[in-house]
Amino acid sequence: MNDLLKEQYRYYETVKKALEYVDENYMHQPTLNDIAKHSGLSRHHFARIFKEYVGVTPMQFLQATTLEHAKKHLENSKSILETSLDVGLSSSSRLHDLFINFEGITPNEYKNIGESITITYGVGNSPFGKTFLAQSTRGIMALMFYEDSFGEQLNRLKKDWSKANFLEDNVLTNETLKAIFIDNKKQKLFVKGTNLQINVWRALLTIPYGNLTTYSEVAQKIGNEKAVRAVASSIGKNPISILIPCHRVVGKSAAMSGYAWGVERKRIILAYESQYQKS
């Protein structure tokens, strides 16, 4: 398994634990020592990891925790740099935009090809936690996060692709995770969904790196302004996290809600993108 991915995974677990603690205790204004102790690290070690991963100090994040703060800034700008933390993050070109080739099929089209597909799946670490990934020669078919077991993710995949052949290969999975998160290599995506879902997922790919949008704006992009609830449902069923950036969609109030893999993870991803925003 790639050592850098393992290190980033450990960073994610530490930062996640710290963010949860701040969310639960910000009213008491915990000190840096309090947060570091809860994370199980020394003050200086924790401060370095948090700053390297999130791009701000723990105290700066504490100051920017309340959603009301984010709401005020979202009215004037959709930039994650301004809305997620508002603490003057520096930009970097270390993480480049991922180039995506997207191919979507409807259930009717699937009838003709389902039995001929072999899906290779496996698990590994990523900068955002334990990760389940599935792929075929047509492209990546699932990229989902999990906590203790990936059984739910695998069952969802088998339900969506009931006629396919399945093969577990953690070595190939980790090679692909490295290509995505470390090497930033161009990726092909292959998804199955209704016409609406495919159109919504395509629309998500147009959201620029370092930007936020709303469910109503996505509805406008697909030419159906009244389909906000259907859009939200389609976004919630997105099988490929990160590469199809459903994390960049928020409600009009800027509330960090409705993310299939957890609100805290969504906040971490947005903070991470802010830190490594392309210049």
C-alpha atoms as a PDB file:
ATOM      1  CA  MET A   1       0.000   0.000   0.000  1.00  0.00           C
ATOM      2  CA  ASN A   2       1.317   3.451  -0.882  1.00  0.00           C
ATOM      3  CA  ASP A   3       3.073   5.033   2.126  1.00  0.00           C
ATOM      4  CA  LEU A   4       1.911   8.554   1.268  1.00  0.00           C
ATOM      5  CA  LEU A   5      -1.710   7.427   1.095  1.00  0.00           C
ATOM      6  CA  LYS A   6      -1.324   5.736   4.485  1.00  0.00           C
ATOM      7  CA  GLU A   7       0.100   8.936   5.936  1.00  0.00           C
ATOM      8  CA  GLN A   8      -2.718  11.047   4.494  1.00  0.00           C
ATOM      9  CA  TYR A   9      -5.259   8.573   5.853  1.00  0.00           C
ATOM     10  CA  ARG A  10      -3.780   8.961   9.339  1.00  0.00           C
ATOM     11  CA  TYR A  11      -3.988  12.725   8.905  1.00  0.00           C
ATOM     12  CA  TYR A  12      -7.642  12.402   7.976  1.00  0.00           C
ATOM     13  CA  GLU A  13      -8.453  10.367  11.096  1.00  0.00           C
ATOM     14  CA  THR A  14      -6.657  12.872  13.332  1.00  0.00           C
ATOM     15  CA  VAL A  15      -8.292  15.893  11.723  1.00  0.00           C
ATOM     16  CA  LYS A  16     -11.729  14.274  11.728  1.00  0.00           C
ATOM     17  CA  LYS A  17     -11.465  13.585  15.446  1.00  0.00           C
ATOM     18  CA  ALA A  18     -10.396  17.178  16.071  1.00  0.00           C
ATOM     19  CA  LEU A  19     -13.208  18.663  13.975  1.00  0.00           C
ATOM     20  CA  GLU A  20     -15.807  16.581  15.769  1.00  0.00           C
ATOM     21  CA  TYR A  21     -14.434  17.752  19.110  1.00  0.00           C
ATOM     22  CA  VAL A  22     -14.504  21.406  18.038  1.00  0.00           C
ATOM     23  CA  ASP A  23     -18.057  21.053  16.714  1.00  0.00           C
ATOM     24  CA  GLU A  24     -19.226  19.602  20.010  1.00  0.00           C
ATOM     25  CA  ASN A  25     -17.296  21.991  22.259  1.00  0.00           C
ATOM     26  CA  TYR A  26     -16.839  25.294  20.430  1.00  0.00           C
ATOM     27  CA  MET A  27     -19.210  27.025  22.835  1.00  0.00           C
ATOM     28  CA  HIS A  28     -16.620  26.358  25.561  1.00  0.00           C
ATOM     29  CA  GLN A  29     -13.728  27.672  23.421  1.00  0.00           C
ATOM     30  CA  PRO A  30     -11.297  24.781  23.987  1.00  0.00           C
ATOM     31  CA  THR A  31      -7.579  25.570  23.927  1.00  0.00           C
ATOM     32  CA  LEU A  32      -5.043  24.104  21.527  1.00  0.00           C
ATOM     33  CA  ASN A  33      -3.903  21.821  24.348  1.00  0.00           C
ATOM     34  CA  ASP A  34      -7.477  20.601  24.847  1.00  0.00           C
ATOM     35  CA  ILE A  35      -7.939  19.727  21.170  1.00  0.00           C
ATOM     36  CA  ALA A  36      -4.509  18.105  20.857  1.00  0.00           C
ATOM     37  CA  LYS A  37      -5.054  16.013  23.981  1.00  0.00           C
ATOM     38  CA  HIS A  38      -8.405  14.808  22.637  1.00  0.00           C
ATOM     39  CA  SER A  39      -6.698  13.862  19.358  1.00  0.00           C
ATOM     40  CA  GLY A  40      -4.085  11.835  21.205  1.00  0.00           C
ATOM     41  CA  LEU A  41      -1.080  13.879  20.064  1.00  0.00           C
ATOM     42  CA  SER A  42       1.320  16.384  21.539  1.00  0.00           C
ATOM     43  CA  ARG A  43       0.470  20.058  21.085  1.00  0.00           C
ATOM     44  CA  HIS A  44       3.174  20.760  18.499  1.00  0.00           C
ATOM     45  CA  HIS A  45       2.744  17.525  16.554  1.00  0.00           C
ATOM     46  CA  PHE A  46      -1.014  18.010  16.341  1.00  0.00           C
ATOM     47  CA  ALA A  47      -0.720  21.677  15.331  1.00  0.00           C
ATOM     48  CA  ARG A  48       1.672  20.771  12.500  1.00  0.00           C
ATOM     49  CA  ILE A  49      -0.518  17.969  11.139  1.00  0.00           C
ATOM     50  CA  PHE A  50      -3.694  20.051  11.335  1.00  0.00           C
ATOM     51  CA  LYS A  51      -2.091  23.022   9.575  1.00  0.00           C
ATOM     52  CA  GLU A  52      -0.520  20.872   6.856  1.00  0.00           C
ATOM     53  CA  TYR A  53      -3.771  19.050   6.122  1.00  0.00           C
ATOM     54  CA  VAL A  54      -6.427  21.731   6.546  1.00  0.00           C
ATOM     55  CA  GLY A  55      -4.307  24.778   5.729  1.00  0.00           C
ATOM     56  CA  VAL A  56      -5.169  26.755   8.865  1.00  0.00           C
ATOM     57  CA  THR A  57      -4.282  26.494  12.533  1.00  0.00           C
ATOM     58  CA  PRO A  58      -6.664  24.734  14.937  1.00  0.00           C
ATOM     59  CA  MET A  59      -7.428  28.068  16.578  1.00  0.00           C
ATOM     60  CA  GLN A  60      -8.260  29.668  13.249  1.00  0.00           C
ATOM     61  CA  PHE A  61     -10.618  26.834  12.509  1.00  0.00           C
ATOM     62  CA  LEU A  62     -12.231  27.198  15.917  1.00  0.00           C
ATOM     63  CA  GLN A  63     -12.884  30.863  15.203  1.00  0.00           C
ATOM     64  CA  ALA A  64     -14.558  29.983  11.891  1.00  0.00           C
ATOM     65  CA  THR A  65     -16.723  27.088  13.044  1.00  0.00           C
ATOM     66  CA  THR A  66     -20.199  28.586  13.103  1.00  0.00           C
ATOM     67  CA  LEU A  67     -22.269  28.197   9.974  1.00  0.00           C
ATOM     68  CA  GLU A  68     -23.692  31.676  10.368  1.00  0.00           C
ATOM     69  CA  HIS A  69     -20.283  33.031   9.518  1.00  0.00           C
ATOM     70  CA  ALA A  70     -20.220  31.000   6.296  1.00  0.00           C
ATOM     71  CA  LYS A  71     -23.752  32.055   5.391  1.00  0.00           C
ATOM     72  CA  LYS A  72     -22.870  35.765   5.358  1.00  0.00           C
ATOM     73  CA  HIS A  73     -19.963  35.217   3.002  1.00  0.00           C
ATOM     74  CA  LEU A  74     -21.783  32.872   0.647  1.00  0.00           C
ATOM     75  CA  GLU A  75     -24.148  35.741  -0.187  1.00  0.00           C
ATOM     76  CA  ASN A  76     -21.264  37.606  -1.804  1.00  0.00           C
ATOM     77  CA  SER A  77     -19.013  34.828  -3.063  1.00  0.00           C
ATOM     78  CA  LYS A  78     -19.150  31.145  -3.891  1.00  0.00           C
ATOM     79  CA  SER A  79     -15.433  30.670  -3.452  1.00  0.00           C
ATOM     80  CA  ILE A  80     -14.597  27.959  -0.953  1.00  0.00           C
ATOM     81  CA  LEU A  81     -11.586  30.072  -0.058  1.00  0.00           C
ATOM     82  CA  GLU A  82     -13.920  32.759   1.261  1.00  0.00           C
ATOM     83  CA  THR A  83     -16.880  30.745   2.484  1.00  0.00           C
ATOM     84  CA  SER A  84     -15.578  27.620   4.194  1.00  0.00           C
ATOM     85  CA  LEU A  85     -13.087  29.075   6.623  1.00  0.00           C
ATOM     86  CA  ASP A  86     -12.561  32.796   5.874  1.00  0.00           C
ATOM     87  CA  VAL A  87      -9.091  32.850   7.354  1.00  0.00           C
ATOM     88  CA  GLY A  88      -6.897  33.844   4.424  1.00  0.00           C
ATOM     89  CA  LEU A  89      -5.809  30.463   3.133  1.00  0.00           C
ATOM     90  CA  SER A  90      -2.841  30.413   0.822  1.00  0.00           C
ATOM     91  CA  SER A  91      -3.285  28.884  -2.603  1.00  0.00           C
ATOM     92  CA  SER A  92      -1.179  26.103  -4.025  1.00  0.00           C
ATOM     93  CA  SER A  93      -0.873  24.220  -7.283  1.00  0.00           C
ATOM     94  CA  ARG A  94       0.041  20.924  -5.618  1.00  0.00           C
ATOM     95  CA  LEU A  95      -3.391  19.455  -6.294  1.00  0.00           C
ATOM     96  CA  HIS A  96      -4.444  19.852  -9.902  1.00  0.00           C
ATOM     97  CA  ASP A  97      -7.916  19.557 -11.332  1.00  0.00           C
ATOM     98  CA  LEU A  98      -8.768  15.999 -12.252  1.00  0.00           C
ATOM     99  CA  PHE A  99      -9.605  15.514 -15.896  1.00  0.00           C
ATOM    100  CA  ILE A 100     -12.657  13.329 -16.316  1.00  0.00           C
ATOM    101  CA  ASN A 101     -14.004  11.230 -19.174  1.00  0.00           C
ATOM    102  CA  PHE A 102     -17.604  10.544 -18.205  1.00  0.00           C
ATOM    103  CA  GLU A 103     -19.760   7.811 -19.703  1.00  0.00           C
ATOM    104  CA  GLY A 104     -23.246   7.155 -18.380  1.00  0.00           C
ATOM    105  CA  ILE A 105     -25.772   4.498 -19.334  1.00  0.00           C
ATOM    106  CA  THR A 106     -29.463   4.172 -18.533  1.00  0.00           C
ATOM    107  CA  PRO A 107     -31.056   0.986 -17.119  1.00  0.00           C
ATOM    108  CA  ASN A 108     -32.371   0.084 -20.590  1.00  0.00           C
ATOM    109  CA  GLU A 109     -28.896   0.366 -22.106  1.00  0.00           C
ATOM    110  CA  TYR A 110     -27.522  -1.724 -19.248  1.00  0.00           C
ATOM    111  CA  LYS A 111     -29.663  -4.694 -20.287  1.00  0.00           C
ATOM    112  CA  ASN A 112     -27.476  -5.153 -23.341  1.00  0.00           C
ATOM    113  CA  ILE A 113     -24.096  -4.925 -21.637  1.00  0.00           C
ATOM    114  CA  GLY A 114     -24.505  -5.895 -17.997  1.00  0.00           C
ATOM    115  CA  GLU A 115     -23.577  -9.537 -18.350  1.00  0.00           C
ATOM    116  CA  SER A 116     -20.366  -8.728 -20.203  1.00  0.00           C
ATOM    117  CA  ILE A 117     -18.906  -6.477 -17.496  1.00  0.00           C
ATOM    118  CA  THR A 118     -16.310  -7.623 -14.972  1.00  0.00           C
ATOM    119  CA  ILE A 119     -16.081  -5.270 -11.997  1.00  0.00           C
ATOM    120  CA  THR A 120     -12.935  -5.282  -9.913  1.00  0.00           C
ATOM    121  CA  TYR A 121     -13.334  -3.851  -6.423  1.00  0.00           C
ATOM    122  CA  GLY A 122     -11.293  -3.375  -3.289  1.00  0.00           C
ATOM    123  CA  VAL A 123     -10.490  -1.093  -0.382  1.00  0.00           C
ATOM    124  CA  GLY A 124      -7.656   1.191   0.648  1.00  0.00           C
ATOM    125  CA  ASN A 125      -6.793   4.452   2.345  1.00  0.00           C
ATOM    126  CA  SER A 126      -7.235   7.916   0.909  1.00  0.00           C
ATOM    127  CA  PRO A 127      -6.846  11.483   2.243  1.00  0.00           C
ATOM    128  CA  PHE A 128     -10.490  11.289   3.347  1.00  0.00           C
ATOM    129  CA  GLY A 129     -10.626   7.946   5.134  1.00  0.00           C
ATOM    130  CA  LYS A 130     -11.206   4.304   4.332  1.00  0.00           C
ATOM    131  CA  THR A 131     -12.185   4.048   0.690  1.00  0.00           C
ATOM    132  CA  PHE A 132     -14.070   1.479  -1.384  1.00  0.00           C
ATOM    133  CA  LEU A 133     -13.388   1.590  -5.118  1.00  0.00           C
ATOM    134  CA  ALA A 134     -14.766  -0.383  -8.055  1.00  0.00           C
ATOM    135  CA  GLN A 135     -13.728  -0.251 -11.700  1.00  0.00           C
ATOM    136  CA  SER A 136     -13.973  -2.005 -15.030  1.00  0.00           C
ATOM    137  CA  THR A 137     -12.268  -1.600 -18.362  1.00  0.00           C
ATOM    138  CA  ARG A 138     -14.887   1.091 -19.077  1.00  0.00           C
ATOM    139  CA  GLY A 139     -13.806   3.206 -16.094  1.00  0.00           C
ATOM    140  CA  ILE A 140     -14.323   3.825 -12.397  1.00  0.00           C
ATOM    141  CA  MET A 141     -17.788   2.777 -11.279  1.00  0.00           C
ATOM    142  CA  ALA A 142     -17.756   3.540  -7.562  1.00  0.00           C
ATOM    143  CA  LEU A 143     -15.647   5.512  -5.116  1.00  0.00           C
ATOM    144  CA  MET A 144     -17.227   5.496  -1.668  1.00  0.00           C
ATOM    145  CA  PHE A 145     -16.078   6.022   1.894  1.00  0.00           C
ATOM    146  CA  TYR A 146     -16.824   3.726   4.827  1.00  0.00           C
ATOM    147  CA  GLU A 147     -16.012   3.419   8.524  1.00  0.00           C
ATOM    148  CA  ASP A 148     -15.931  -0.158   9.855  1.00  0.00           C
ATOM    149  CA  SER A 149     -17.130  -2.374   7.008  1.00  0.00           C
ATOM    150  CA  PHE A 150     -17.530  -1.903   3.264  1.00  0.00           C
ATOM    151  CA  GLY A 151     -20.349  -4.439   3.038  1.00  0.00           C
ATOM    152  CA  GLU A 152     -22.987  -1.772   2.453  1.00  0.00           C
ATOM    153  CA  GLN A 153     -20.963  -0.239  -0.373  1.00  0.00           C
ATOM    154  CA  LEU A 154     -20.384  -3.623  -2.025  1.00  0.00           C
ATOM    155  CA  ASN A 155     -24.059  -4.573  -1.726  1.00  0.00           C
ATOM    156  CA  ARG A 156     -25.071  -1.285  -3.336  1.00  0.00           C
ATOM    157  CA  LEU A 157     -22.692  -1.936  -6.215  1.00  0.00           C
ATOM    158  CA  LYS A 158     -23.988  -5.476  -6.727  1.00  0.00           C
ATOM    159  CA  LYS A 159     -27.560  -4.209  -6.687  1.00  0.00           C
ATOM    160  CA  ASP A 160     -26.799  -1.548  -9.300  1.00  0.00           C
ATOM    161  CA  TRP A 161     -24.850  -3.984 -11.500  1.00  0.00           C
ATOM    162  CA  SER A 162     -26.683  -7.235 -10.772  1.00  0.00           C
ATOM    163  CA  LYS A 163     -25.614  -9.031 -13.961  1.00  0.00           C
ATOM    164  CA  ALA A 164     -21.928  -8.176 -13.764  1.00  0.00           C
ATOM    165  CA  ASN A 165     -19.077 -10.422 -12.649  1.00  0.00           C
ATOM    166  CA  PHE A 166     -17.267  -9.283  -9.490  1.00  0.00           C
ATOM    167  CA  LEU A 167     -13.607  -9.747  -8.607  1.00  0.00           C
ATOM    168  CA  GLU A 168     -11.820  -8.475  -5.482  1.00  0.00           C
ATOM    169  CA  ASP A 169      -8.352  -6.988  -6.056  1.00  0.00           C
ATOM    170  CA  ASN A 170      -6.958  -4.683  -3.376  1.00  0.00           C
ATOM    171  CA  VAL A 171      -3.617  -4.295  -5.157  1.00  0.00           C
ATOM    172  CA  LEU A 172      -5.222  -2.834  -8.276  1.00  0.00           C
ATOM    173  CA  THR A 173      -7.525  -0.745  -6.088  1.00  0.00           C
ATOM    174  CA  ASN A 174      -4.616   0.888  -4.303  1.00  0.00           C
ATOM    175  CA  GLU A 175      -2.817   1.524  -7.581  1.00  0.00           C
ATOM    176  CA  THR A 176      -5.896   3.382  -8.803  1.00  0.00           C
ATOM    177  CA  LEU A 177      -6.270   5.308  -5.543  1.00  0.00           C
ATOM    178  CA  LYS A 178      -2.662   6.414  -5.898  1.00  0.00           C
ATOM    179  CA  ALA A 179      -3.334   7.499  -9.489  1.00  0.00           C
ATOM    180  CA  ILE A 180      -6.302   9.574  -8.303  1.00  0.00           C
ATOM    181  CA  PHE A 181      -5.078  11.139  -5.081  1.00  0.00           C
ATOM    182  CA  ILE A 182      -1.294  11.245  -5.504  1.00  0.00           C
ATOM    183  CA  ASP A 183      -0.555  11.338  -9.234  1.00  0.00           C
ATOM    184  CA  ASN A 184      -3.689  13.276 -10.313  1.00  0.00           C
ATOM    185  CA  LYS A 185      -3.991  11.166 -13.451  1.00  0.00           C
ATOM    186  CA  LYS A 186      -6.835  11.487 -15.913  1.00  0.00           C
ATOM    187  CA  GLN A 187      -9.723   9.180 -15.058  1.00  0.00           C
ATOM    188  CA  LYS A 188     -12.553   7.531 -16.965  1.00  0.00           C
ATOM    189  CA  LEU A 189     -15.904   7.204 -15.182  1.00  0.00           C
ATOM    190  CA  PHE A 190     -18.580   4.674 -16.051  1.00  0.00           C
ATOM    191  CA  VAL A 191     -21.896   5.031 -14.231  1.00  0.00           C
ATOM    192  CA  LYS A 192     -25.419   3.710 -14.461  1.00  0.00           C
ATOM    193  CA  GLY A 193     -28.441   5.857 -13.672  1.00  0.00           C
ATOM    194  CA  THR A 194     -31.672   7.351 -14.881  1.00  0.00           C
ATOM    195  CA  ASN A 195     -31.533  10.086 -17.482  1.00  0.00           C
ATOM    196  CA  LEU A 196     -32.055  12.669 -14.740  1.00  0.00           C
ATOM    197  CA  GLN A 197     -29.310  11.248 -12.542  1.00  0.00           C
ATOM    198  CA  ILE A 198     -26.807  11.136 -15.393  1.00  0.00           C
ATOM    199  CA  ASN A 199     -27.629  14.725 -16.362  1.00  0.00           C
ATOM    200  CA  VAL A 200     -27.222  15.866 -12.764  1.00  0.00           C
ATOM    201  CA  TRP A 201     -23.902  14.070 -12.372  1.00  0.00           C
ATOM    202  CA  ARG A 202     -22.665  15.611 -15.609  1.00  0.00           C
ATOM    203  CA  ALA A 203     -23.673  19.028 -14.280  1.00  0.00           C
ATOM    204  CA  LEU A 204     -21.632  18.444 -11.119  1.00  0.00           C
ATOM    205  CA  LEU A 205     -18.537  17.987 -13.274  1.00  0.00           C
ATOM    206  CA  THR A 206     -18.910  21.593 -14.458  1.00  0.00           C
ATOM    207  CA  ILE A 207     -18.520  23.050 -10.958  1.00  0.00           C
ATOM    208  CA  PRO A 208     -15.050  24.657 -10.970  1.00  0.00           C
ATOM    209  CA  TYR A 209     -12.490  23.474  -8.472  1.00  0.00           C
ATOM    210  CA  GLY A 210     -12.613  25.783  -5.442  1.00  0.00           C
ATOM    211  CA  ASN A 211     -16.249  26.800  -5.948  1.00  0.00           C
ATOM    212  CA  LEU A 212     -19.615  26.025  -4.378  1.00  0.00           C
ATOM    213  CA  THR A 213     -23.030  25.876  -5.962  1.00  0.00           C
ATOM    214  CA  THR A 214     -26.585  25.219  -4.764  1.00  0.00           C
ATOM    215  CA  TYR A 215     -29.161  22.567  -5.574  1.00  0.00           C
ATOM    216  CA  SER A 216     -31.325  25.144  -7.335  1.00  0.00           C
ATOM    217  CA  GLU A 217     -28.398  26.221  -9.516  1.00  0.00           C
ATOM    218  CA  VAL A 218     -27.764  22.614 -10.516  1.00  0.00           C
ATOM    219  CA  ALA A 219     -31.451  22.336 -11.418  1.00  0.00           C
ATOM    220  CA  GLN A 220     -31.031  25.381 -13.642  1.00  0.00           C
ATOM    221  CA  LYS A 221     -27.973  23.816 -15.292  1.00  0.00           C
ATOM    222  CA  ILE A 222     -29.997  20.790 -16.385  1.00  0.00           C
ATOM    223  CA  GLY A 223     -32.833  23.007 -17.633  1.00  0.00           C
ATOM    224  CA  ASN A 224     -35.423  22.149 -14.982  1.00  0.00           C
ATOM    225  CA  GLU A 225     -35.611  24.847 -12.323  1.00  0.00           C
ATOM    226  CA  LYS A 226     -38.490  23.128 -10.508  1.00  0.00           C
ATOM    227  CA  ALA A 227     -36.623  19.844 -10.027  1.00  0.00           C
ATOM    228  CA  VAL A 228     -34.660  20.904  -6.945  1.00  0.00           C
ATOM    229  CA  ARG A 229     -35.787  17.945  -4.822  1.00  0.00           C
ATOM    230  CA  ALA A 230     -35.123  15.483  -7.626  1.00  0.00           C
ATOM    231  CA  VAL A 231     -31.699  17.038  -8.120  1.00  0.00           C
ATOM    232  CA  ALA A 232     -30.928  16.666  -4.415  1.00  0.00           C
ATOM    233  CA  SER A 233     -32.011  13.015  -4.562  1.00  0.00           C
ATOM    234  CA  SER A 234     -29.821  12.369  -7.607  1.00  0.00           C
ATOM    235  CA  ILE A 235     -26.848  13.997  -5.912  1.00  0.00           C
ATOM    236  CA  GLY A 236     -27.407  11.806  -2.863  1.00  0.00           C
ATOM    237  CA  LYS A 237     -27.211   8.712  -5.086  1.00  0.00           C
ATOM    238  CA  ASN A 238     -23.938   9.707  -6.728  1.00  0.00           C
ATOM    239  CA  PRO A 239     -21.764   6.547  -6.590  1.00  0.00           C
ATOM    240  CA  ILE A 240     -18.437   8.276  -7.261  1.00  0.00           C
ATOM    241  CA  SER A 241     -17.339  10.723  -4.599  1.00  0.00           C
ATOM    242  CA  ILE A 242     -14.642  13.366  -5.192  1.00  0.00           C
ATOM    243  CA  LEU A 243     -14.393  12.737  -8.957  1.00  0.00           C
ATOM    244  CA  ILE A 244     -18.060  13.661  -9.354  1.00  0.00           C
ATOM    245  CA  PRO A 245     -17.873  16.554  -6.855  1.00  0.00           C
ATOM    246  CA  CYS A 246     -21.219  16.393  -5.069  1.00  0.00           C
ATOM    247  CA  HIS A 247     -19.426  17.836  -2.006  1.00  0.00           C
ATOM    248  CA  ARG A 248     -19.401  21.245  -3.727  1.00  0.00           C
ATOM    249  CA  VAL A 249     -23.201  21.513  -3.575  1.00  0.00           C
ATOM    250  CA  VAL A 250     -24.778  23.203  -0.545  1.00  0.00           C
ATOM    251  CA  GLY A 251     -28.176  24.574   0.396  1.00  0.00           C
ATOM    252  CA  LYS A 252     -29.025  28.240  -0.026  1.00  0.00           C
ATOM    253  CA  SER A 253     -28.169  28.755   3.649  1.00  0.00           C
ATOM    254  CA  ALA A 254     -24.692  27.243   3.057  1.00  0.00           C
ATOM    255  CA  ALA A 255     -25.441  24.551   5.623  1.00  0.00           C
ATOM    256  CA  MET A 256     -23.057  21.602   5.305  1.00  0.00           C
ATOM    257  CA  SER A 257     -25.736  18.918   5.133  1.00  0.00           C
ATOM    258  CA  GLY A 258     -26.911  16.140   2.875  1.00  0.00           C
ATOM    259  CA  TYR A 259     -23.570  14.458   2.166  1.00  0.00           C
ATOM    260  CA  ALA A 260     -23.852  10.691   1.773  1.00  0.00           C
ATOM    261  CA  TRP A 261     -20.517  10.069   3.485  1.00  0.00           C
ATOM    262  CA  GLY A 262     -20.938  12.409   6.451  1.00  0.00           C
ATOM    263  CA  VAL A 263     -21.014  16.141   7.053  1.00  0.00           C
ATOM    264  CA  GLU A 264     -17.649  16.179   8.824  1.00  0.00           C
ATOM    265  CA  ARG A 265     -16.011  14.487   5.852  1.00  0.00           C
ATOM    266  CA  LYS A 266     -17.597  17.057   3.536  1.00  0.00           C
ATOM    267  CA  ARG A 267     -16.150  19.887   5.606  1.00  0.00           C
ATOM    268  CA  ILE A 268     -12.714  18.278   5.549  1.00  0.00           C
ATOM    269  CA  ILE A 269     -12.829  17.833   1.772  1.00  0.00           C
ATOM    270  CA  LEU A 270     -13.808  21.477   1.259  1.00  0.00           C
ATOM    271  CA  ALA A 271     -11.060  22.640   3.602  1.00  0.00           C
ATOM    272  CA  TYR A 272      -8.580  20.408   1.776  1.00  0.00           C
ATOM    273  CA  GLU A 273      -9.600  21.847  -1.594  1.00  0.00           C
ATOM    274  CA  SER A 274      -9.238  25.335  -0.193  1.00  0.00           C
ATOM    275  CA  GLN A 275      -5.703  24.601   0.977  1.00  0.00           C
ATOM    276  CA  TYR A 276      -4.670  23.117  -2.371  1.00  0.00           C
ATOM    277  CA  GLN A 277      -6.741  25.374  -4.593  1.00  0.00           C
ATOM    278  CA  LYS A 278      -5.193  25.713  -8.021  1.00  0.00           C
ATOM    279  CA  SER A 279      -3.687  29.153  -8.548  1.00  0.00           C
END
